[in-house]
PDB file of N, CA and C in Angstrom:
ATOM      1  N   MET A   1     143.468  15.081  92.371  1.00  0.00           N
ATOM      2  CA  MET A   1     142.912  13.707  92.827  1.00  0.00           C
ATOM      3  C   MET A   1     143.512  12.157  92.476  1.00  0.00           C
ATOM      4  N   GLU A   2     143.660  11.480  92.957  1.00  0.00           N
ATOM      5  CA  GLU A   2     144.264  10.436  92.281  1.00  0.00           C
ATOM      6  C   GLU A   2     144.007   9.782  91.315  1.00  0.00           C
ATOM      7  N   LYS A   3     144.474   8.675  90.828  1.00  0.00           N
ATOM      8  CA  LYS A   3     144.216   8.376  89.263  1.00  0.00           C
ATOM      9  C   LYS A   3     142.945   6.860  89.982  1.00  0.00           C
ATOM     10  N   ARG A   4     143.596   6.035  90.883  1.00  0.00           N
ATOM     11  CA  ARG A   4     142.383   5.198  91.286  1.00  0.00           C
ATOM     12  C   ARG A   4     141.114   5.737  92.542  1.00  0.00           C
ATOM     13  N   GLY A   5     141.390   6.514  92.212  1.00  0.00           N
ATOM     14  CA  GLY A   5     139.795   7.171  93.254  1.00  0.00           C
ATOM     15  C   GLY A   5     138.766   7.647  91.580  1.00  0.00           C
ATOM     16  N   ARG A   6     139.570   8.585  90.499  1.00  0.00           N
ATOM     17  CA  ARG A   6     138.841   8.265  89.180  1.00  0.00           C
ATOM     18  C   ARG A   6     138.102   7.629  88.834  1.00  0.00           C
ATOM     19  N   LEU A   7     138.897   6.086  88.754  1.00  0.00           N
ATOM     20  CA  LEU A   7     138.446   4.988  88.472  1.00  0.00           C
ATOM     21  C   LEU A   7     137.638   4.672  89.195  1.00  0.00           C
ATOM     22  N   ASN A   8     137.567   4.755  90.616  1.00  0.00           N
ATOM     23  CA  ASN A   8     136.307   4.285  91.149  1.00  0.00           C
ATOM     24  C   ASN A   8     134.939   5.384  90.965  1.00  0.00           C
ATOM     25  N   ARG A   9     135.374   5.991  90.385  1.00  0.00           N
ATOM     26  CA  ARG A   9     133.959   7.516  90.162  1.00  0.00           C
ATOM     27  C   ARG A   9     133.457   7.305  88.893  1.00  0.00           C
ATOM     28  N   GLN A  10     134.539   6.989  87.910  1.00  0.00           N
ATOM     29  CA  GLN A  10     134.024   6.259  87.286  1.00  0.00           C
ATOM     30  C   GLN A  10     133.009   5.066  87.086  1.00  0.00           C
ATOM     31  N   LEU A  11     133.302   4.570  87.071  1.00  0.00           N
ATOM     32  CA  LEU A  11     132.711   3.177  87.366  1.00  0.00           C
ATOM     33  C   LEU A  11     131.874   3.033  87.830  1.00  0.00           C
ATOM     34  N   GLY A  12     131.294   3.941  89.745  1.00  0.00           N
ATOM     35  CA  GLY A  12     130.209   3.951  89.756  1.00  0.00           C
ATOM     36  C   GLY A  12     129.135   4.772  88.973  1.00  0.00           C
ATOM     37  N   GLU A  13     129.651   5.873  87.936  1.00  0.00           N
ATOM     38  CA  GLU A  13     128.864   6.735  87.244  1.00  0.00           C
ATOM     39  C   GLU A  13     128.399   5.790  86.272  1.00  0.00           C
ATOM     40  N   ASN A  14     129.504   4.924  85.461  1.00  0.00           N
ATOM     41  CA  ASN A  14     128.824   3.902  84.494  1.00  0.00           C
ATOM     42  C   ASN A  14     127.731   3.081  85.289  1.00  0.00           C
ATOM     43  N   LEU A  15     128.025   2.775  85.799  1.00  0.00           N
ATOM     44  CA  LEU A  15     127.543   1.636  86.176  1.00  0.00           C
ATOM     45  C   LEU A  15     125.459   1.791  86.904  1.00  0.00           C
ATOM     46  N   ARG A  16     125.933   3.087  87.285  1.00  0.00           N
ATOM     47  CA  ARG A  16     124.420   4.125  87.603  1.00  0.00           C
ATOM     48  C   ARG A  16     123.586   4.092  85.886  1.00  0.00           C
ATOM     49  N   ALA A  17     124.999   4.693  85.637  1.00  0.00           N
ATOM     50  CA  ALA A  17     124.206   4.883  84.060  1.00  0.00           C
ATOM     51  C   ALA A  17     123.244   3.909  83.284  1.00  0.00           C
ATOM     52  N   ILE A  18     123.906   2.583  83.607  1.00  0.00           N
ATOM     53  CA  ILE A  18     123.157   1.421  82.975  1.00  0.00           C
ATOM     54  C   ILE A  18     122.357   1.440  83.609  1.00  0.00           C
ATOM     55  N   ARG A  19     122.707   0.776  85.078  1.00  0.00           N
ATOM     56  CA  ARG A  19     121.046   1.100  85.865  1.00  0.00           C
ATOM     57  C   ARG A  19     119.830   1.494  85.188  1.00  0.00           C
ATOM     58  N   LEU A  20     119.919   3.075  85.194  1.00  0.00           N
ATOM     59  CA  LEU A  20     118.582   3.816  85.190  1.00  0.00           C
ATOM     60  C   LEU A  20     118.376   3.522  83.812  1.00  0.00           C
ATOM     61  N   ALA A  21     119.187   3.737  82.780  1.00  0.00           N
ATOM     62  CA  ALA A  21     118.876   3.044  81.747  1.00  0.00           C
ATOM     63  C   ALA A  21     117.991   1.848  81.196  1.00  0.00           C
ATOM     64  N   ARG A  22     118.129   0.969  82.064  1.00  0.00           N
ATOM     65  CA  ARG A  22     117.894  -0.313  82.015  1.00  0.00           C
ATOM     66  C   ARG A  22     116.671  -0.017  83.088  1.00  0.00           C
ATOM     67  N   GLY A  23     116.237   0.900  83.244  1.00  0.00           N
ATOM     68  CA  GLY A  23     114.718   1.385  84.476  1.00  0.00           C
ATOM     69  C   GLY A  23     114.759   0.351  86.155  1.00  0.00           C
ATOM     70  N   TYR A  24     115.975   0.597  86.341  1.00  0.00           N
ATOM     71  CA  TYR A  24     116.175  -0.341  87.480  1.00  0.00           C
ATOM     72  C   TYR A  24     116.121   0.627  88.555  1.00  0.00           C
ATOM     73  N   THR A  25     115.743   0.726  89.701  1.00  0.00           N
ATOM     74  CA  THR A  25     116.082   1.351  91.343  1.00  0.00           C
ATOM     75  C   THR A  25     117.141   0.838  91.533  1.00  0.00           C
ATOM     76  N   GLN A  26     118.076   1.457  92.534  1.00  0.00           N
ATOM     77  CA  GLN A  26     119.126   0.907  93.758  1.00  0.00           C
ATOM     78  C   GLN A  26     118.614  -0.576  93.522  1.00  0.00           C
ATOM     79  N   GLU A  27     117.308  -0.492  94.617  1.00  0.00           N
ATOM     80  CA  GLU A  27     116.889  -1.972  95.538  1.00  0.00           C
ATOM     81  C   GLU A  27     116.510  -2.919  94.030  1.00  0.00           C
ATOM     82  N   ALA A  28     116.115  -2.692  93.511  1.00  0.00           N
ATOM     83  CA  ALA A  28     115.451  -3.873  92.365  1.00  0.00           C
ATOM     84  C   ALA A  28     116.846  -3.694  91.571  1.00  0.00           C
ATOM     85  N   TRP A  29     117.841  -3.463  91.649  1.00  0.00           N
ATOM     86  CA  TRP A  29     118.991  -3.771  90.515  1.00  0.00           C
ATOM     87  C   TRP A  29     119.787  -4.558  91.683  1.00  0.00           C
ATOM     88  N   ALA A  30     120.410  -3.993  92.686  1.00  0.00           N
ATOM     89  CA  ALA A  30     121.209  -4.684  94.171  1.00  0.00           C
ATOM     90  C   ALA A  30     120.808  -6.214  93.936  1.00  0.00           C
ATOM     91  N   ILE A  31     119.003  -6.572  94.297  1.00  0.00           N
ATOM     92  CA  ILE A  31     118.730  -7.570  94.890  1.00  0.00           C
ATOM     93  C   ILE A  31     118.754  -8.820  92.479  1.00  0.00           C
ATOM     94  N   HIS A  32     118.009  -8.053  91.692  1.00  0.00           N
ATOM     95  CA  HIS A  32     118.559  -8.535  90.641  1.00  0.00           C
ATOM     96  C   HIS A  32     120.377  -9.147  90.915  1.00  0.00           C
ATOM     97  N   LEU A  33     121.046  -8.392  91.045  1.00  0.00           N
ATOM     98  CA  LEU A  33     122.820  -8.778  90.614  1.00  0.00           C
ATOM     99  C   LEU A  33     123.245  -9.526  92.299  1.00  0.00           C
ATOM    100  N   GLY A  34     122.528  -9.527  92.869  1.00  0.00           N
ATOM    101  CA  GLY A  34     122.493 -10.416  94.333  1.00  0.00           C
ATOM    102  C   GLY A  34     123.738  -9.812  95.396  1.00  0.00           C
ATOM    103  N   TYR A  35     123.716  -8.572  94.942  1.00  0.00           N
ATOM    104  CA  TYR A  35     124.489  -7.946  96.018  1.00  0.00           C
ATOM    105  C   TYR A  35     123.171  -6.616  97.186  1.00  0.00           C
ATOM    106  N   ASP A  36     124.090  -6.587  98.033  1.00  0.00           N
ATOM    107  CA  ASP A  36     122.925  -5.641  99.059  1.00  0.00           C
ATOM    108  C   ASP A  36     122.833  -4.346  98.712  1.00  0.00           C
ATOM    109  N   ARG A  37     121.751  -3.505  98.949  1.00  0.00           N
ATOM    110  CA  ARG A  37     121.619  -2.372  98.366  1.00  0.00           C
ATOM    111  C   ARG A  37     122.423  -1.311  98.654  1.00  0.00           C
ATOM    112  N   THR A  38     123.263  -1.377 100.585  1.00  0.00           N
ATOM    113  CA  THR A  38     124.377  -0.723 100.363  1.00  0.00           C
ATOM    114  C   THR A  38     125.365  -0.625 100.088  1.00  0.00           C
ATOM    115  N   TYR A  39     125.570  -1.785  99.380  1.00  0.00           N
ATOM    116  CA  TYR A  39     126.840  -1.881  98.358  1.00  0.00           C
ATOM    117  C   TYR A  39     126.874  -1.060  97.287  1.00  0.00           C
ATOM    118  N   VAL A  40     125.818  -1.577  96.234  1.00  0.00           N
ATOM    119  CA  VAL A  40     125.204  -0.814  95.164  1.00  0.00           C
ATOM    120  C   VAL A  40     125.807   0.611  95.166  1.00  0.00           C
ATOM    121  N   ALA A  41     124.890   1.139  96.314  1.00  0.00           N
ATOM    122  CA  ALA A  41     125.340   2.443  96.396  1.00  0.00           C
ATOM    123  C   ALA A  41     126.525   3.356  96.965  1.00  0.00           C
ATOM    124  N   SER A  42     127.219   2.184  97.368  1.00  0.00           N
ATOM    125  CA  SER A  42     128.982   2.525  97.997  1.00  0.00           C
ATOM    126  C   SER A  42     129.615   2.386  96.584  1.00  0.00           C
ATOM    127  N   VAL A  43     129.138   1.691  96.037  1.00  0.00           N
ATOM    128  CA  VAL A  43     130.044   1.521  94.098  1.00  0.00           C
ATOM    129  C   VAL A  43     129.356   2.678  93.513  1.00  0.00           C
ATOM    130  N   GLU A  44     128.641   3.124  93.047  1.00  0.00           N
ATOM    131  CA  GLU A  44     127.673   3.929  92.276  1.00  0.00           C
ATOM    132  C   GLU A  44     128.325   5.313  92.660  1.00  0.00           C
ATOM    133  N   ARG A  45     128.870   5.397  94.139  1.00  0.00           N
ATOM    134  CA  ARG A  45     129.122   6.711  95.167  1.00  0.00           C
ATOM    135  C   ARG A  45     130.810   6.689  94.452  1.00  0.00           C
ATOM    136  N   GLY A  46     131.221   5.331  93.865  1.00  0.00           N
ATOM    137  CA  GLY A  46     133.037   5.535  94.050  1.00  0.00           C
ATOM    138  C   GLY A  46     133.739   5.067  95.402  1.00  0.00           C
ATOM    139  N   GLU A  47     132.814   4.881  96.347  1.00  0.00           N
ATOM    140  CA  GLU A  47     133.601   4.516  97.505  1.00  0.00           C
ATOM    141  C   GLU A  47     134.290   2.841  97.523  1.00  0.00           C
ATOM    142  N   ARG A  48     134.099   2.509  96.297  1.00  0.00           N
ATOM    143  CA  ARG A  48     134.589   1.204  97.124  1.00  0.00           C
ATOM    144  C   ARG A  48     135.525   0.636  96.164  1.00  0.00           C
ATOM    145  N   ASN A  49     136.669  -0.116  96.564  1.00  0.00           N
ATOM    146  CA  ASN A  49     137.793  -0.155  95.220  1.00  0.00           C
ATOM    147  C   ASN A  49     137.980  -2.321  95.117  1.00  0.00           C
ATOM    148  N   LEU A  50     136.788  -1.973  93.941  1.00  0.00           N
ATOM    149  CA  LEU A  50     136.738  -3.550  93.278  1.00  0.00           C
ATOM    150  C   LEU A  50     137.905  -4.101  92.835  1.00  0.00           C
ATOM    151  N   THR A  51     137.619  -5.399  93.054  1.00  0.00           N
ATOM    152  CA  THR A  51     139.065  -6.392  93.014  1.00  0.00           C
ATOM    153  C   THR A  51     138.763  -6.564  91.111  1.00  0.00           C
ATOM    154  N   LEU A  52     139.643  -6.484  90.541  1.00  0.00           N
ATOM    155  CA  LEU A  52     139.422  -7.301  88.863  1.00  0.00           C
ATOM    156  C   LEU A  52     138.434  -8.547  88.829  1.00  0.00           C
ATOM    157  N   ASP A  53     138.893  -9.157  90.029  1.00  0.00           N
ATOM    158  CA  ASP A  53     137.755 -10.144  89.948  1.00  0.00           C
ATOM    159  C   ASP A  53     136.065 -10.005  89.778  1.00  0.00           C
ATOM    160  N   THR A  54     135.973  -9.099  91.349  1.00  0.00           N
ATOM    161  CA  THR A  54     134.714  -8.597  91.022  1.00  0.00           C
ATOM    162  C   THR A  54     134.114  -7.058  89.847  1.00  0.00           C
ATOM    163  N   LEU A  55     135.487  -6.771  89.054  1.00  0.00           N
ATOM    164  CA  LEU A  55     134.625  -6.039  88.141  1.00  0.00           C
ATOM    165  C   LEU A  55     134.544  -7.121  87.210  1.00  0.00           C
ATOM    166  N   THR A  56     134.975  -7.763  87.128  1.00  0.00           N
ATOM    167  CA  THR A  56     134.470  -9.123  85.424  1.00  0.00           C
ATOM    168  C   THR A  56     133.400  -9.632  85.495  1.00  0.00           C
ATOM    169  N   ALA A  57     133.164 -10.305  87.209  1.00  0.00           N
ATOM    170  CA  ALA A  57     132.103 -10.774  87.568  1.00  0.00           C
ATOM    171  C   ALA A  57     130.877  -9.529  87.745  1.00  0.00           C
ATOM    172  N   LEU A  58     130.819  -8.850  87.900  1.00  0.00           N
ATOM    173  CA  LEU A  58     130.387  -7.834  87.464  1.00  0.00           C
ATOM    174  C   LEU A  58     129.622  -7.418  86.228  1.00  0.00           C
ATOM    175  N   ALA A  59     130.627  -7.051  85.047  1.00  0.00           N
ATOM    176  CA  ALA A  59     130.416  -6.712  84.311  1.00  0.00           C
ATOM    177  C   ALA A  59     129.666  -7.746  83.027  1.00  0.00           C
ATOM    178  N   GLU A  60     130.135  -9.263  84.088  1.00  0.00           N
ATOM    179  CA  GLU A  60     129.287 -10.582  82.868  1.00  0.00           C
ATOM    180  C   GLU A  60     127.959 -10.438  83.892  1.00  0.00           C
ATOM    181  N   GLN A  61     127.676 -10.200  84.440  1.00  0.00           N
ATOM    182  CA  GLN A  61     125.871  -9.856  84.819  1.00  0.00           C
ATOM    183  C   GLN A  61     124.895  -9.361  84.426  1.00  0.00           C
ATOM    184  N   ILE A  62     126.242  -8.172  84.100  1.00  0.00           N
ATOM    185  CA  ILE A  62     125.442  -6.896  83.709  1.00  0.00           C
ATOM    186  C   ILE A  62     125.538  -7.293  81.755  1.00  0.00           C
ATOM    187  N   GLU A  63     126.313  -8.198  81.129  1.00  0.00           N
ATOM    188  CA  GLU A  63     126.350  -7.519  79.780  1.00  0.00           C
ATOM    189  C   GLU A  63     127.266  -7.106  79.302  1.00  0.00           C
ATOM    190  N   VAL A  64     127.934  -6.578  79.701  1.00  0.00           N
ATOM    191  CA  VAL A  64     129.093  -5.589  79.389  1.00  0.00           C
ATOM    192  C   VAL A  64     130.466  -5.873  79.086  1.00  0.00           C
ATOM    193  N   ASP A  65     131.338  -5.153  78.234  1.00  0.00           N
ATOM    194  CA  ASP A  65     133.018  -5.285  78.743  1.00  0.00           C
ATOM    195  C   ASP A  65     133.204  -5.262  80.045  1.00  0.00           C
ATOM    196  N   PRO A  66     134.155  -5.126  80.337  1.00  0.00           N
ATOM    197  CA  PRO A  66     134.727  -4.912  81.976  1.00  0.00           C
ATOM    198  C   PRO A  66     135.204  -3.286  81.379  1.00  0.00           C
ATOM    199  N   LEU A  67     136.016  -3.137  80.445  1.00  0.00           N
ATOM    200  CA  LEU A  67     136.234  -1.734  80.075  1.00  0.00           C
ATOM    201  C   LEU A  67     135.655  -0.787  79.611  1.00  0.00           C
ATOM    202  N   GLU A  68     134.696  -1.040  79.496  1.00  0.00           N
ATOM    203  CA  GLU A  68     133.407   0.137  79.425  1.00  0.00           C
ATOM    204  C   GLU A  68     133.349   0.101  80.065  1.00  0.00           C
ATOM    205  N   LEU A  69     133.172  -0.031  81.521  1.00  0.00           N
ATOM    206  CA  LEU A  69     132.737   0.375  83.136  1.00  0.00           C
ATOM    207  C   LEU A  69     133.853   1.050  83.332  1.00  0.00           C
ATOM    208  N   LEU A  70     134.663   0.831  83.090  1.00  0.00           N
ATOM    209  CA  LEU A  70     135.707   2.226  83.396  1.00  0.00           C
ATOM    210  C   LEU A  70     136.272   3.249  82.678  1.00  0.00           C
ATOM    211  N   GLU A  71     135.531   3.094  81.247  1.00  0.00           N
ATOM    212  CA  GLU A  71     135.702   4.514  80.849  1.00  0.00           C
ATOM    213  C   GLU A  71     135.199   5.471  80.465  1.00  0.00           C
ATOM    214  N   SER A  72     135.940   7.225  79.948  1.00  0.00           N
ATOM    215  CA  SER A  72     135.063   8.000  80.300  1.00  0.00           C
ATOM    216  C   SER A  72     134.113   8.083  79.472  1.00  0.00           C
ATOM    217  N   ARG A  73     132.943   8.981  80.358  1.00  0.00           N
ATOM    218  CA  ARG A  73     131.813   9.037  78.672  1.00  0.00           C
ATOM    219  C   ARG A  73     131.558  10.474  78.545  1.00  0.00           C
ATOM    220  N   GLY A  74     132.854  11.395  78.555  1.00  0.00           N
ATOM    221  CA  GLY A  74     132.900  12.420  78.899  1.00  0.00           C
ATOM    222  C   GLY A  74     131.908  13.708  80.172  1.00  0.00           C
ATOM    223  N   THR A  75     131.900  12.790  80.457  1.00  0.00           N
ATOM    224  CA  THR A  75     131.150  13.204  81.998  1.00  0.00           C
ATOM    225  C   THR A  75     131.645  13.838  83.065  1.00  0.00           C
ATOM    226  N   THR A  76     131.367  15.155  83.274  1.00  0.00           N
ATOM    227  CA  THR A  76     132.299  16.204  84.312  1.00  0.00           C
ATOM    228  C   THR A  76     131.611  15.723  86.193  1.00  0.00           C
ATOM    229  N   GLU A  77     132.262  16.290  86.702  1.00  0.00           N
ATOM    230  CA  GLU A  77     131.927  16.225  88.605  1.00  0.00           C
ATOM    231  C   GLU A  77     130.986  17.347  88.705  1.00  0.00           C
ATOM    232  N   ALA A  78     130.454  17.580  87.869  1.00  0.00           N
ATOM    233  CA  ALA A  78     129.226  18.757  88.066  1.00  0.00           C
ATOM    234  C   ALA A  78     127.903  18.167  87.249  1.00  0.00           C
ATOM    235  N   ALA A  79     128.100  16.899  86.629  1.00  0.00           N
ATOM    236  CA  ALA A  79     127.150  16.343  85.232  1.00  0.00           C
ATOM    237  C   ALA A  79     125.993  16.143  86.337  1.00  0.00           C
ATOM    238  N   GLU A  80     124.775  16.142  85.737  1.00  0.00           N
ATOM    239  CA  GLU A  80     123.916  14.895  85.913  1.00  0.00           C
ATOM    240  C   GLU A  80     123.323  14.214  85.882  1.00  0.00           C
ATOM    241  N   PRO A  81     123.029  13.248  86.427  1.00  0.00           N
ATOM    242  CA  PRO A  81     123.395  12.174  85.866  1.00  0.00           C
ATOM    243  C   PRO A  81     121.803  11.932  84.477  1.00  0.00           C
ATOM    244  N   PRO A  82     121.728  11.202  84.199  1.00  0.00           N
ATOM    245  CA  PRO A  82     120.872  11.037  82.670  1.00  0.00           C
ATOM    246  C   PRO A  82     119.683  11.150  82.818  1.00  0.00           C
ATOM    247  N   ALA A  83     118.407  11.673  82.482  1.00  0.00           N
ATOM    248  CA  ALA A  83     116.949  11.198  83.060  1.00  0.00           C
ATOM    249  C   ALA A  83     116.082  10.401  82.453  1.00  0.00           C
ATOM    250  N   VAL A  84     115.510   9.431  83.098  1.00  0.00           N
ATOM    251  CA  VAL A  84     115.165   8.597  83.335  1.00  0.00           C
ATOM    252  C   VAL A  84     113.854   8.720  83.348  1.00  0.00           C
ATOM    253  N   ARG A  85     112.688   8.709  82.287  1.00  0.00           N
ATOM    254  CA  ARG A  85     111.352   9.139  82.530  1.00  0.00           C
ATOM    255  C   ARG A  85     110.702   7.372  83.918  1.00  0.00           C
ATOM    256  N   ARG A  86     110.296   7.400  84.770  1.00  0.00           N
ATOM    257  CA  ARG A  86     109.441   6.064  85.969  1.00  0.00           C
ATOM    258  C   ARG A  86     108.220   6.192  84.912  1.00  0.00           C
ATOM    259  N   PRO A  87     107.404   5.048  85.200  1.00  0.00           N
ATOM    260  CA  PRO A  87     106.453   4.868  84.826  1.00  0.00           C
ATOM    261  C   PRO A  87     105.709   6.058  85.445  1.00  0.00           C
ATOM    262  N   SER A  88     104.514   6.043  84.574  1.00  0.00           N
ATOM    263  CA  SER A  88     103.087   6.451  85.510  1.00  0.00           C
ATOM    264  C   SER A  88     102.892   6.159  86.769  1.00  0.00           C
ATOM    265  N   ARG A  89     102.210   6.245  87.328  1.00  0.00           N
ATOM    266  CA  ARG A  89     102.107   5.671  88.581  1.00  0.00           C
ATOM    267  C   ARG A  89     100.138   5.716  88.528  1.00  0.00           C
ATOM    268  N   ARG A  90      99.835   6.190  87.921  1.00  0.00           N
ATOM    269  CA  ARG A  90      98.357   6.828  87.290  1.00  0.00           C
ATOM    270  C   ARG A  90      97.518   5.085  87.082  1.00  0.00           C
ATOM    271  N   ARG A  91      96.058   5.181  87.799  1.00  0.00           N
ATOM    272  CA  ARG A  91      95.467   3.809  87.589  1.00  0.00           C
ATOM    273  C   ARG A  91      95.274   4.114  85.831  1.00  0.00           C
ATOM    274  N   ALA A  92      94.901   2.649  85.214  1.00  0.00           N
ATOM    275  CA  ALA A  92      94.458   2.893  84.379  1.00  0.00           C
ATOM    276  C   ALA A  92      93.140   3.480  83.889  1.00  0.00           C
ATOM    277  N   ASP A  93      92.256   3.314  85.060  1.00  0.00           N
ATOM    278  CA  ASP A  93      91.268   3.893  84.802  1.00  0.00           C
ATOM    279  C   ASP A  93      90.661   5.342  85.499  1.00  0.00           C
ATOM    280  N   THR A  94      92.180   5.791  85.429  1.00  0.00           N
ATOM    281  CA  THR A  94      92.161   7.793  86.147  1.00  0.00           C
ATOM    282  C   THR A  94      92.194   8.469  84.949  1.00  0.00           C
ATOM    283  N   PRO A  95      91.195   8.996  84.318  1.00  0.00           N
ATOM    284  CA  PRO A  95      91.782   9.830  83.565  1.00  0.00           C
ATOM    285  C   PRO A  95      92.423  10.664  83.452  1.00  0.00           C
ATOM    286  N   GLU A  96      93.401  11.292  82.236  1.00  0.00           N
ATOM    287  CA  GLU A  96      94.607  12.199  81.765  1.00  0.00           C
ATOM    288  C   GLU A  96      93.975  13.908  82.682  1.00  0.00           C
ATOM    289  N   PRO A  97      94.952  13.947  82.941  1.00  0.00           N
ATOM    290  CA  PRO A  97      94.466  15.900  83.945  1.00  0.00           C
ATOM    291  C   PRO A  97      94.324  16.634  82.281  1.00  0.00           C
ATOM    292  N   SER A  98      93.897  17.200  82.164  1.00  0.00           N
ATOM    293  CA  SER A  98      93.670  18.344  80.959  1.00  0.00           C
ATOM    294  C   SER A  98      95.124  19.305  80.876  1.00  0.00           C
ATOM    295  N   PRO A  99      95.643  19.155  79.330  1.00  0.00           N
ATOM    296  CA  PRO A  99      96.698  20.588  79.510  1.00  0.00           C
ATOM    297  C   PRO A  99      96.511  22.021  80.197  1.00  0.00           C
ATOM    298  N   ARG A 100      97.495  22.470  80.666  1.00  0.00           N
ATOM    299  CA  ARG A 100      97.216  23.827  80.935  1.00  0.00           C
ATOM    300  C   ARG A 100      97.383  24.552  79.905  1.00  0.00           C
ATOM    301  N   PRO A 101      96.221  25.524  80.122  1.00  0.00           N
ATOM    302  CA  PRO A 101      96.443  27.057  79.083  1.00  0.00           C
ATOM    303  C   PRO A 101      98.014  27.536  78.739  1.00  0.00           C
ATOM    304  N   GLN A 102      98.480  27.387  77.059  1.00  0.00           N
ATOM    305  CA  GLN A 102      99.803  28.277  76.662  1.00  0.00           C
ATOM    306  C   GLN A 102      99.127  29.387  77.089  1.00  0.00           C
ATOM    307  N   ARG A 103     100.123  30.239  77.870  1.00  0.00           N
ATOM    308  CA  ARG A 103     100.476  31.515  78.286  1.00  0.00           C
ATOM    309  C   ARG A 103     100.901  32.571  76.863  1.00  0.00           C
ATOM    310  N   ALA A 104     100.727  33.397  76.713  1.00  0.00           N
ATOM    311  CA  ALA A 104     101.422  34.466  75.505  1.00  0.00           C
ATOM    312  C   ALA A 104     102.766  35.137  76.187  1.00  0.00           C
TER     313      ALA A 104
END
């Protein structure tokens, strides 16, 4: 694969990791940044070729160094995205379910 494609994909992976680490859905992240959700999705998939101005502006918005968005973090194409624990949707007045019995 050509270098530009790898950089676009790396940028997308890093943006997605930052978004998930901060607990945003793609839609909420797009609203927060002032972009359309479909644009954010295509950047995360590595389908967009951002200009340096756009990359710099985006990095400033999320308060990271622009180079950090392009750095490899040791991920591979088959790597799973980082898991993020989502807040429980259980109402506060609903009791927690009892734990399952352990099998020996």
